[in-house]
Amino acid sequence: MEIRDARPEDWPSIWPFLRQILAAGETYSLPRHPTEEWARAMWMLEPPGRTVVAVDDAGTVLGSAKFGPNHLGPAGHVSTASFMVAPDHARRGVGRALGEHVLDRARTEGYRTMQFNAVVETNDRAVALWRSLGFEVMTTLPEAFDHPTHGYVGLHIMYRRL
């Protein structure tokens, strides 16, 4: 697996799984049915943000991540990130590889910390992955996320030093 900066020609491979994940409504506090134009602008970041893709040897996009500043000015050293793995490629280490890559890149780019603003507490795989990569839950906003099957559940704010 190679992780590299996303290119405009990667978008047609990202959009189907991004649309599927958002439509499920289980893991992101984003619109469930965004327009492609809105989704592309939200995911394919311009500097200082970055978007990366994980690809296999055949060039198939397995997943993607975006990261950049969470805050501006005097708090601009705090980064944030979002991750999506194509459901067909889940449980194969893609999320972990993307997480490790983004943490290294953020550190290299001068960020001192990373904060996730909204990790759905029922997203057990993501919470376990981020904990295993050194994140801790700083707080949970009760009933902040309307999950399609669990109803109102909490959103974790997670953090780690880089």
Protein backbone atom coordinates (compact mmCIF):
# COMPACT_ATOMS: atom_id res chain seq x y z
CA MET A 1 0.00 0.00 0.00
CA GLU A 2 1.23 3.47 -0.89
CA ILE A 3 -0.02 6.65 0.74
CA ARG A 4 0.44 9.76 -1.35
CA ASP A 5 -1.03 13.20 -1.86
CA ALA A 6 -4.41 13.04 -3.55
CA ARG A 7 -4.62 14.24 -7.13
CA PRO A 8 -7.67 15.67 -8.93
CA GLU A 9 -7.96 12.42 -10.88
CA ASP A 10 -8.42 10.49 -7.59
CA TRP A 11 -11.75 12.17 -6.87
CA PRO A 12 -13.85 9.83 -9.07
CA SER A 13 -12.56 6.94 -6.92
CA ILE A 14 -13.08 8.74 -3.58
CA TRP A 15 -16.57 10.08 -4.27
CA PRO A 16 -18.43 6.71 -4.36
CA PHE A 17 -17.24 5.54 -0.93
CA LEU A 18 -17.44 9.01 0.61
CA ARG A 19 -21.05 9.26 -0.61
CA GLN A 20 -21.82 5.76 0.75
CA ILE A 21 -20.31 6.49 4.16
CA LEU A 22 -22.10 9.83 4.51
CA ALA A 23 -25.41 8.33 3.38
CA ALA A 24 -25.17 5.67 6.09
CA GLY A 25 -25.16 8.49 8.63
CA GLU A 26 -23.30 6.50 11.29
CA THR A 27 -19.90 8.14 11.58
CA TYR A 28 -19.76 11.73 10.30
CA SER A 29 -21.47 14.92 11.43
CA LEU A 30 -21.83 15.96 7.79
CA PRO A 31 -24.85 16.07 5.49
CA ARG A 32 -26.02 12.59 4.52
CA HIS A 33 -26.70 13.51 0.92
CA PRO A 34 -24.34 16.29 -0.12
CA THR A 35 -23.87 17.42 -3.66
CA GLU A 36 -20.74 16.12 -5.30
CA GLU A 37 -19.48 19.68 -5.69
CA TRP A 38 -19.87 20.39 -1.97
CA ALA A 39 -18.28 17.07 -1.01
CA ARG A 40 -15.30 17.60 -3.29
CA ALA A 41 -14.64 21.09 -1.88
CA MET A 42 -14.97 19.76 1.68
CA TRP A 43 -12.65 16.76 1.14
CA MET A 44 -10.07 17.83 -1.43
CA LEU A 45 -8.29 20.50 0.61
CA GLU A 46 -6.13 23.33 -0.59
CA PRO A 47 -2.99 24.27 1.39
CA PRO A 48 -2.41 24.56 4.25
CA GLY A 49 -4.73 21.56 4.37
CA ARG A 50 -3.79 18.28 2.71
CA THR A 51 -5.67 15.30 1.32
CA VAL A 52 -4.01 11.94 0.87
CA VAL A 53 -5.05 8.59 -0.56
CA ALA A 54 -4.01 5.02 0.18
CA VAL A 55 -3.65 3.02 -3.02
CA ASP A 56 -2.80 -0.60 -3.74
CA ASP A 57 -0.27 -1.82 -6.32
CA ALA A 58 -2.88 -1.59 -9.06
CA GLY A 59 -3.64 2.05 -8.18
CA THR A 60 -7.03 1.32 -6.60
CA VAL A 61 -7.93 3.94 -3.99
CA LEU A 62 -8.49 2.08 -0.72
CA GLY A 63 -9.14 5.07 1.49
CA SER A 64 -8.44 8.74 1.99
CA ALA A 65 -7.67 11.23 4.73
CA LYS A 66 -7.57 14.98 5.02
CA PHE A 67 -5.75 17.04 7.61
CA GLY A 68 -4.80 20.59 8.38
CA PRO A 69 -5.24 23.32 10.93
CA ASN A 70 -8.06 22.90 13.40
CA HIS A 71 -7.67 26.48 14.59
CA LEU A 72 -6.07 29.65 13.29
CA GLY A 73 -3.72 32.31 14.65
CA PRO A 74 -2.22 31.57 18.06
CA ALA A 75 -3.87 28.13 18.06
CA GLY A 76 -2.75 27.29 14.51
CA HIS A 77 -0.38 24.62 15.82
CA VAL A 78 -3.40 22.38 16.55
CA SER A 79 -4.27 20.10 13.64
CA THR A 80 -7.30 18.01 12.87
CA ALA A 81 -7.97 15.17 10.47
CA SER A 82 -10.72 13.04 8.96
CA PHE A 83 -10.46 9.55 7.53
CA MET A 84 -12.53 7.33 5.25
CA VAL A 85 -11.79 3.78 4.17
CA ALA A 86 -13.69 2.30 1.25
CA PRO A 87 -16.04 -0.27 2.86
CA ASP A 88 -14.80 -2.98 0.48
CA HIS A 89 -11.30 -2.50 1.93
CA ALA A 90 -12.19 -2.22 5.64
CA ARG A 91 -10.35 -4.27 8.26
CA ARG A 92 -7.19 -4.54 6.18
CA GLY A 93 -5.06 -1.94 7.98
CA VAL A 94 -5.88 0.95 5.66
CA GLY A 95 -7.23 3.17 8.45
CA ARG A 96 -4.22 2.51 10.66
CA ALA A 97 -1.80 3.20 7.79
CA LEU A 98 -3.60 6.45 6.98
CA GLY A 99 -3.64 7.43 10.65
CA GLU A 100 0.07 6.81 11.12
CA HIS A 101 0.87 8.67 7.90
CA VAL A 102 -1.21 11.71 8.82
CA LEU A 103 0.27 11.87 12.32
CA ASP A 104 3.80 11.80 10.87
CA ARG A 105 2.98 14.40 8.19
CA ALA A 106 1.28 16.73 10.66
CA ARG A 107 4.30 16.51 12.97
CA THR A 108 6.68 17.15 10.07
CA GLU A 109 4.62 20.16 9.01
CA GLY A 110 5.04 21.72 12.45
CA TYR A 111 1.80 20.90 14.20
CA ARG A 112 2.22 20.19 17.91
CA THR A 113 -1.07 18.42 18.59
CA MET A 114 -3.99 16.81 16.81
CA GLN A 115 -7.61 17.15 17.89
CA PHE A 116 -10.57 15.22 16.53
CA ASN A 117 -13.69 17.33 17.05
CA ALA A 118 -16.41 14.74 16.58
CA VAL A 119 -15.75 11.00 16.91
CA VAL A 120 -19.11 9.25 17.25
CA GLU A 121 -18.95 7.24 20.49
CA THR A 122 -20.67 4.22 18.90
CA ASN A 123 -17.98 4.05 16.19
CA ASP A 124 -16.10 1.44 18.23
CA ARG A 125 -13.52 0.59 15.56
CA ALA A 126 -12.49 4.22 15.11
CA VAL A 127 -12.38 4.92 18.84
CA ALA A 128 -10.22 1.82 19.39
CA LEU A 129 -7.91 2.74 16.51
CA TRP A 130 -7.39 6.30 17.72
CA ARG A 131 -6.79 5.14 21.29
CA SER A 132 -4.20 2.66 20.00
CA LEU A 133 -2.47 5.54 18.19
CA GLY A 134 -2.20 7.56 21.39
CA PHE A 135 -5.39 9.63 21.37
CA GLU A 136 -7.43 10.09 24.49
CA VAL A 137 -11.02 11.17 24.92
CA MET A 138 -10.93 14.66 26.41
CA THR A 139 -14.70 14.91 26.78
CA THR A 140 -17.91 13.58 25.31
CA LEU A 141 -20.74 15.83 24.23
CA PRO A 142 -23.84 13.88 25.29
CA GLU A 143 -26.55 13.25 22.70
CA ALA A 144 -24.71 15.42 20.14
CA PHE A 145 -25.13 12.97 17.24
CA ASP A 146 -28.40 11.57 15.92
CA HIS A 147 -27.41 8.02 14.92
CA PRO A 148 -29.79 6.26 12.52
CA THR A 149 -30.12 3.14 14.71
CA HIS A 150 -28.88 4.11 18.19
CA GLY A 151 -30.67 7.46 18.43
CA TYR A 152 -28.90 10.32 20.15
CA VAL A 153 -25.36 9.34 21.14
CA GLY A 154 -22.29 11.25 22.25
CA LEU A 155 -19.51 12.81 20.23
CA HIS A 156 -16.00 12.38 21.62
CA ILE A 157 -13.42 15.12 21.37
CA MET A 158 -10.11 13.24 21.11
CA TYR A 159 -6.58 14.60 21.40
CA ARG A 160 -2.92 13.68 21.31
CA ARG A 161 0.43 15.44 21.28
CA LEU A 162 2.54 15.02 18.19
